[in-house]
């Protein structure tokens, strides 16, 4: 079931070369590691509540990269490069606490399910920066399960302000405005600001606007066991996908072809097939008409 038939290329999108890997899609971005101690040291020297000095040192060690994409609208866009800190930001996200991670997930769901931007006016990267600023500027003891909706509202307020004034400092380089390249239509901007204001005023009821959460809540009320079982299956499938992707990259040849005879890959593939068959059977017993394993595989990982 794990796709192993090679990559299919798509049209280039900025610095990214999108490719599909079976039913799944990935973005490959060429990048060159660069040396920029000044920027990282300036970031490290900020007064902060988070992260700790130990984590700051780990982030600095990750360094930076430059990618071949310029500033939108620049006369020299075709020869400009952009500095980025992907590995550093991944390191930072790994050290967010449970409540901060939930805020991150909920904000992304709100953007996708409620605001629904059509042209990347608001991205998951925007949301990630909001959460990183929240974590840095506030004591970690304030982020706990009982304060989840307080901080969710704080995140929404920052997003509302960013849309209103079209200004959001980049976490790693505050002098850079993440909203500078966003083509915000005035009418759409007003709609989003009003929508966010309404959500803040709703309080915890806001989560019922989120399709996946509202469905999960109703399922748990009426019959929690199937939801727990499916959650376990989906989590295992996600872990198998990550293990498979990592293994396939390690066993790939120079021409991009993979070694499909690798015993670990075959074992993972066998277990994936077992999960898909079991979930399909349960769905069919519940009256579902889905009978396509690949389609279900994509649905469970999306």
Protein backbone atom coordinates (compact mmCIF):
# COMPACT_ATOMS: atom_id res chain seq x y z
CA UNK A 1 0.00 0.00 0.00
CA UNK A 2 2.90 2.40 0.66
CA UNK A 3 3.56 3.99 -2.77
CA UNK A 4 6.92 3.00 -4.20
CA UNK A 5 6.54 3.73 -7.91
CA UNK A 6 8.80 6.80 -8.06
CA UNK A 7 8.13 10.50 -8.32
CA UNK A 8 5.93 12.43 -10.73
CA UNK A 9 6.96 16.08 -11.28
CA UNK A 10 4.63 19.11 -11.34
CA UNK A 11 5.05 22.70 -12.47
CA UNK A 12 7.49 24.73 -10.39
CA UNK A 13 5.99 26.96 -7.67
CA UNK A 14 8.48 29.64 -6.63
CA UNK A 15 11.65 27.88 -5.40
CA UNK A 16 9.75 24.64 -4.89
CA UNK A 17 9.65 21.68 -7.28
CA UNK A 18 6.44 19.82 -6.31
CA UNK A 19 6.40 16.08 -6.88
CA UNK A 20 3.95 13.35 -6.08
CA UNK A 21 5.01 10.17 -4.37
CA UNK A 22 2.25 7.74 -5.12
CA UNK A 23 -0.91 9.45 -3.77
CA UNK A 24 1.11 11.83 -1.60
CA UNK A 25 2.61 15.15 -2.64
CA UNK A 26 5.92 16.66 -1.51
CA UNK A 27 7.70 19.96 -2.17
CA UNK A 28 11.43 19.90 -2.85
CA UNK A 29 13.23 23.20 -2.38
CA UNK A 30 16.89 23.60 -3.43
CA UNK A 31 18.84 25.33 -0.68
CA UNK A 32 22.42 26.21 0.17
CA UNK A 33 23.66 26.28 3.75
CA UNK A 34 24.93 29.72 4.65
CA UNK A 35 26.95 31.25 7.45
CA UNK A 36 25.16 34.11 9.22
CA UNK A 37 26.38 34.34 12.83
CA UNK A 38 25.27 37.96 13.14
CA UNK A 39 21.58 37.21 12.54
CA UNK A 40 21.53 34.16 14.80
CA UNK A 41 23.45 35.87 17.61
CA UNK A 42 21.07 38.82 17.45
CA UNK A 43 18.16 36.40 17.75
CA UNK A 44 19.87 34.55 20.63
CA UNK A 45 20.57 37.74 22.60
CA UNK A 46 16.90 38.78 22.85
CA UNK A 47 15.34 38.94 26.32
CA UNK A 48 12.92 36.02 26.45
CA UNK A 49 10.91 33.58 28.56
CA UNK A 50 11.46 30.79 26.03
CA UNK A 51 13.36 28.84 24.78
CA UNK A 52 16.00 27.98 27.36
CA UNK A 53 19.68 28.77 26.79
CA UNK A 54 20.34 25.10 26.01
CA UNK A 55 17.72 25.10 23.24
CA UNK A 56 18.95 28.48 21.95
CA UNK A 57 22.41 26.95 21.48
CA UNK A 58 20.90 24.00 19.60
CA UNK A 59 19.02 26.38 17.31
CA UNK A 60 22.17 28.38 16.56
CA UNK A 61 23.98 25.15 15.69
CA UNK A 62 21.35 24.39 13.03
CA UNK A 63 22.48 27.43 11.03
CA UNK A 64 20.61 28.86 8.06
CA UNK A 65 19.98 28.31 4.36
CA UNK A 66 19.35 30.45 1.32
CA UNK A 67 16.79 29.54 -1.34
CA UNK A 68 16.44 30.95 -4.87
CA UNK A 69 13.40 33.19 -4.45
CA UNK A 70 13.25 36.96 -4.30
CA UNK A 71 10.90 39.52 -2.81
CA UNK A 72 7.60 39.64 -4.67
CA UNK A 73 7.40 42.82 -6.73
CA UNK A 74 11.13 43.51 -6.59
CA UNK A 75 12.81 44.61 -9.81
CA UNK A 76 15.60 42.15 -9.03
CA UNK A 77 13.34 39.27 -8.03
CA UNK A 78 14.91 36.93 -10.60
CA UNK A 79 18.38 37.16 -9.02
CA UNK A 80 17.48 37.49 -5.34
CA UNK A 81 17.84 34.80 -2.69
CA UNK A 82 15.97 34.39 0.58
CA UNK A 83 17.48 33.37 3.89
CA UNK A 84 15.51 30.82 5.89
CA UNK A 85 15.85 28.87 9.12
CA UNK A 86 13.83 25.73 8.44
CA UNK A 87 15.84 23.33 10.59
CA UNK A 88 16.10 25.89 13.39
CA UNK A 89 12.34 26.42 13.39
CA UNK A 90 11.69 22.67 13.40
CA UNK A 91 13.95 22.46 16.47
CA UNK A 92 11.96 25.24 18.15
CA UNK A 93 8.58 23.66 17.38
CA UNK A 94 9.81 20.39 18.89
CA UNK A 95 10.22 22.19 22.22
CA UNK A 96 6.76 23.78 22.36
CA UNK A 97 4.76 22.39 25.25
CA UNK A 98 1.49 20.49 24.85
CA UNK A 99 -0.76 23.54 25.16
CA UNK A 100 1.33 25.55 22.68
CA UNK A 101 1.19 22.72 20.15
CA UNK A 102 -2.60 22.58 20.52
CA UNK A 103 -2.82 26.35 19.96
CA UNK A 104 -0.74 25.90 16.80
CA UNK A 105 -3.02 23.13 15.52
CA UNK A 106 -6.24 24.97 16.38
CA UNK A 107 -5.08 28.19 14.71
CA UNK A 108 -4.19 26.27 11.54
CA UNK A 109 -7.60 24.59 11.56
CA UNK A 110 -9.31 27.96 12.01
CA UNK A 111 -7.40 29.39 9.05
CA UNK A 112 -8.26 26.40 6.85
CA UNK A 113 -11.85 25.71 7.98
CA UNK A 114 -13.17 29.18 8.79
CA UNK A 115 -11.11 31.86 7.05
CA UNK A 116 -10.31 29.69 4.01
CA UNK A 117 -7.68 31.84 2.22
CA UNK A 118 -7.58 31.20 -1.52
CA UNK A 119 -4.18 32.69 -2.44
CA UNK A 120 -1.99 32.04 0.61
CA UNK A 121 -2.81 35.41 2.18
CA UNK A 122 -2.63 33.53 5.51
CA UNK A 123 -0.40 30.47 5.69
CA UNK A 124 0.57 27.87 8.29
CA UNK A 125 3.93 29.66 8.38
CA UNK A 126 2.14 32.82 9.53
CA UNK A 127 0.47 30.81 12.30
CA UNK A 128 3.75 29.19 13.34
CA UNK A 129 5.35 32.61 13.80
CA UNK A 130 2.43 33.77 15.95
CA UNK A 131 2.83 30.74 18.25
CA UNK A 132 6.61 31.21 18.51
CA UNK A 133 6.13 34.86 19.53
CA UNK A 134 3.55 33.84 22.14
CA UNK A 135 5.93 31.25 23.58
CA UNK A 136 8.88 33.63 23.72
CA UNK A 137 7.06 36.59 25.24
CA UNK A 138 5.18 34.83 28.05
CA UNK A 139 6.17 32.66 31.05
CA UNK A 140 5.88 28.97 30.24
CA UNK A 141 3.96 28.28 33.45
CA UNK A 142 1.03 30.22 32.01
CA UNK A 143 0.61 27.71 29.18
CA UNK A 144 -1.42 24.83 30.58
CA UNK A 145 -4.63 22.97 29.77
CA UNK A 146 -6.79 25.43 31.70
CA UNK A 147 -5.45 28.41 29.73
CA UNK A 148 -5.80 26.89 26.25
CA UNK A 149 -8.68 29.10 25.10
CA UNK A 150 -7.12 32.21 26.61
CA UNK A 151 -3.99 31.74 24.50
CA UNK A 152 -6.02 30.71 21.48
CA UNK A 153 -7.79 34.07 21.72
CA UNK A 154 -4.43 35.80 22.13
CA UNK A 155 -3.21 34.12 18.95
CA UNK A 156 -6.36 35.12 17.10
CA UNK A 157 -5.93 38.71 18.32
CA UNK A 158 -2.38 38.80 16.95
CA UNK A 159 -3.63 37.43 13.62
CA UNK A 160 -6.44 40.00 13.54
CA UNK A 161 -3.97 42.82 14.17
CA UNK A 162 -1.58 41.46 11.52
CA UNK A 163 -4.39 41.49 8.96
CA UNK A 164 -5.61 44.94 10.03
CA UNK A 165 -2.24 46.72 9.84
CA UNK A 166 -0.63 44.25 7.41
CA UNK A 167 2.31 43.81 9.72
CA UNK A 168 3.69 40.68 11.42
CA UNK A 169 7.38 40.51 12.40
CA UNK A 170 9.26 37.40 11.31
CA UNK A 171 10.24 35.47 14.44
CA UNK A 172 13.88 34.96 13.45
CA UNK A 173 14.36 38.42 11.88
CA UNK A 174 11.81 40.85 13.37
CA UNK A 175 12.77 43.56 10.90
CA UNK A 176 11.19 41.46 8.16
CA UNK A 177 7.42 41.84 7.73
CA UNK A 178 5.76 38.52 6.88
CA UNK A 179 2.66 40.32 5.60
CA UNK A 180 4.58 42.52 3.15
CA UNK A 181 4.11 40.14 0.22
CA UNK A 182 0.52 39.18 1.02
CA UNK A 183 -1.89 40.50 -1.57
CA UNK A 184 -4.79 41.33 0.74
CA UNK A 185 -7.98 42.56 -0.85
CA UNK A 186 -9.52 45.36 1.27
CA UNK A 187 -12.96 43.77 1.28
CA UNK A 188 -11.60 40.32 2.15
CA UNK A 189 -9.45 41.89 4.85
CA UNK A 190 -12.54 43.42 6.51
CA UNK A 191 -14.42 40.12 6.31
CA UNK A 192 -11.57 38.23 7.99
CA UNK A 193 -11.12 40.83 10.72
CA UNK A 194 -14.86 40.69 11.53
CA UNK A 195 -14.84 36.88 11.44
CA UNK A 196 -11.90 36.70 13.84
CA UNK A 197 -13.58 39.22 16.16
CA UNK A 198 -16.72 37.06 16.19
CA UNK A 199 -14.66 33.98 17.01
CA UNK A 200 -12.89 35.72 19.89
CA UNK A 201 -16.28 36.75 21.28
CA UNK A 202 -17.60 33.19 21.01
CA UNK A 203 -15.10 31.82 23.51
CA UNK A 204 -14.67 28.01 23.72
CA UNK A 205 -17.67 27.43 21.43
CA UNK A 206 -15.32 28.39 18.60
CA UNK A 207 -14.15 24.78 18.30
CA UNK A 208 -17.57 23.72 17.04
CA UNK A 209 -16.83 25.71 13.89
CA UNK A 210 -14.03 23.27 13.14
CA UNK A 211 -15.39 20.36 11.14
CA UNK A 212 -13.06 17.61 12.32
CA UNK A 213 -13.37 18.57 15.97
CA UNK A 214 -17.16 18.91 15.90
CA UNK A 215 -17.45 15.51 14.22
CA UNK A 216 -15.10 13.98 16.78
CA UNK A 217 -17.07 15.52 19.68
CA UNK A 218 -20.36 14.12 18.40
CA UNK A 219 -18.82 10.71 17.73
CA UNK A 220 -17.35 10.61 21.23
CA UNK A 221 -20.69 11.52 22.79
CA UNK A 222 -22.64 8.78 21.03
CA UNK A 223 -20.01 6.04 20.69
CA UNK A 224 -16.44 6.76 21.86
CA UNK A 225 -14.90 3.32 21.25
CA UNK A 226 -14.80 3.43 17.40
CA UNK A 227 -13.22 6.89 17.55
CA UNK A 228 -10.46 5.69 19.90
CA UNK A 229 -9.86 2.63 17.73
CA UNK A 230 -9.66 4.72 14.55
CA UNK A 231 -7.35 7.21 16.26
CA UNK A 232 -4.94 4.40 17.14
CA UNK A 233 -5.05 3.07 13.58
CA UNK A 234 -4.44 6.51 12.07
CA UNK A 235 -1.54 7.24 14.43
CA UNK A 236 0.11 3.92 13.59
CA UNK A 237 -0.38 4.58 9.86
CA UNK A 238 1.27 8.01 10.19
CA UNK A 239 4.25 6.49 11.99
CA UNK A 240 4.57 3.77 9.35
CA UNK A 241 4.46 6.37 6.58
CA UNK A 242 7.27 8.37 8.22
CA UNK A 243 9.37 5.23 8.73
CA UNK A 244 8.75 4.14 5.15
CA UNK A 245 9.66 7.55 3.70
CA UNK A 246 12.87 7.64 5.72
CA UNK A 247 13.81 4.09 4.72
CA UNK A 248 13.04 4.65 1.05
CA UNK A 249 15.25 7.73 0.96
CA UNK A 250 18.09 5.74 2.50
CA UNK A 251 17.75 2.93 -0.03
CA UNK A 252 17.21 5.12 -3.11
CA UNK A 253 19.62 4.86 -6.00
CA UNK A 254 21.20 7.89 -7.68
CA UNK A 255 18.53 7.89 -10.39
CA UNK A 256 15.75 8.22 -7.81
CA UNK A 257 14.64 4.57 -8.03
CA UNK A 258 14.09 2.80 -4.73
CA UNK A 259 14.95 -0.70 -3.60
CA UNK A 260 11.51 -2.27 -3.23
CA UNK A 261 13.05 -5.57 -2.10
CA UNK A 262 14.32 -4.04 1.15
CA UNK A 263 12.94 -6.26 3.96
CA UNK A 264 12.09 -3.35 6.26
CA UNK A 265 10.14 -1.59 3.51
CA UNK A 266 8.29 -4.84 2.76
CA UNK A 267 7.42 -5.32 6.45
CA UNK A 268 6.09 -1.77 6.70
CA UNK A 269 4.11 -2.21 3.50
CA UNK A 270 2.58 -5.42 4.86
CA UNK A 271 1.40 -3.73 8.06
CA UNK A 272 0.00 -0.75 6.11
CA UNK A 273 -2.04 -3.15 3.98
CA UNK A 274 -3.37 -4.84 7.12
CA UNK A 275 -4.49 -1.49 8.60
CA UNK A 276 -6.16 -0.36 5.37
CA UNK A 277 -8.01 -3.69 4.97
CA UNK A 278 -9.21 -3.57 8.59
CA UNK A 279 -10.43 0.03 8.35
CA UNK A 280 -12.10 -0.63 4.99
CA UNK A 281 -13.93 -3.62 6.43
CA UNK A 282 -15.23 -1.62 9.39
CA UNK A 283 -16.33 1.21 7.11
CA UNK A 284 -18.19 -1.19 4.84
CA UNK A 285 -19.92 -2.78 7.84
CA UNK A 286 -21.08 0.74 8.76
CA UNK A 287 -22.50 1.21 5.25
CA UNK A 288 -19.66 3.06 3.52
CA UNK A 289 -19.32 2.61 -0.25
CA UNK A 290 -15.57 3.32 -0.28
CA UNK A 291 -13.70 0.30 -1.61
CA UNK A 292 -10.45 1.91 -2.78
CA UNK A 293 -7.48 1.23 -0.51
CA UNK A 294 -5.30 3.97 -2.02
CA UNK A 295 -8.10 6.52 -1.62
CA UNK A 296 -8.58 5.53 2.02
CA UNK A 297 -4.80 5.69 2.60
CA UNK A 298 -4.73 9.30 1.39
CA UNK A 299 -7.85 10.19 3.39
CA UNK A 300 -6.35 8.84 6.62
CA UNK A 301 -3.11 10.75 6.16
CA UNK A 302 -4.70 14.04 5.10
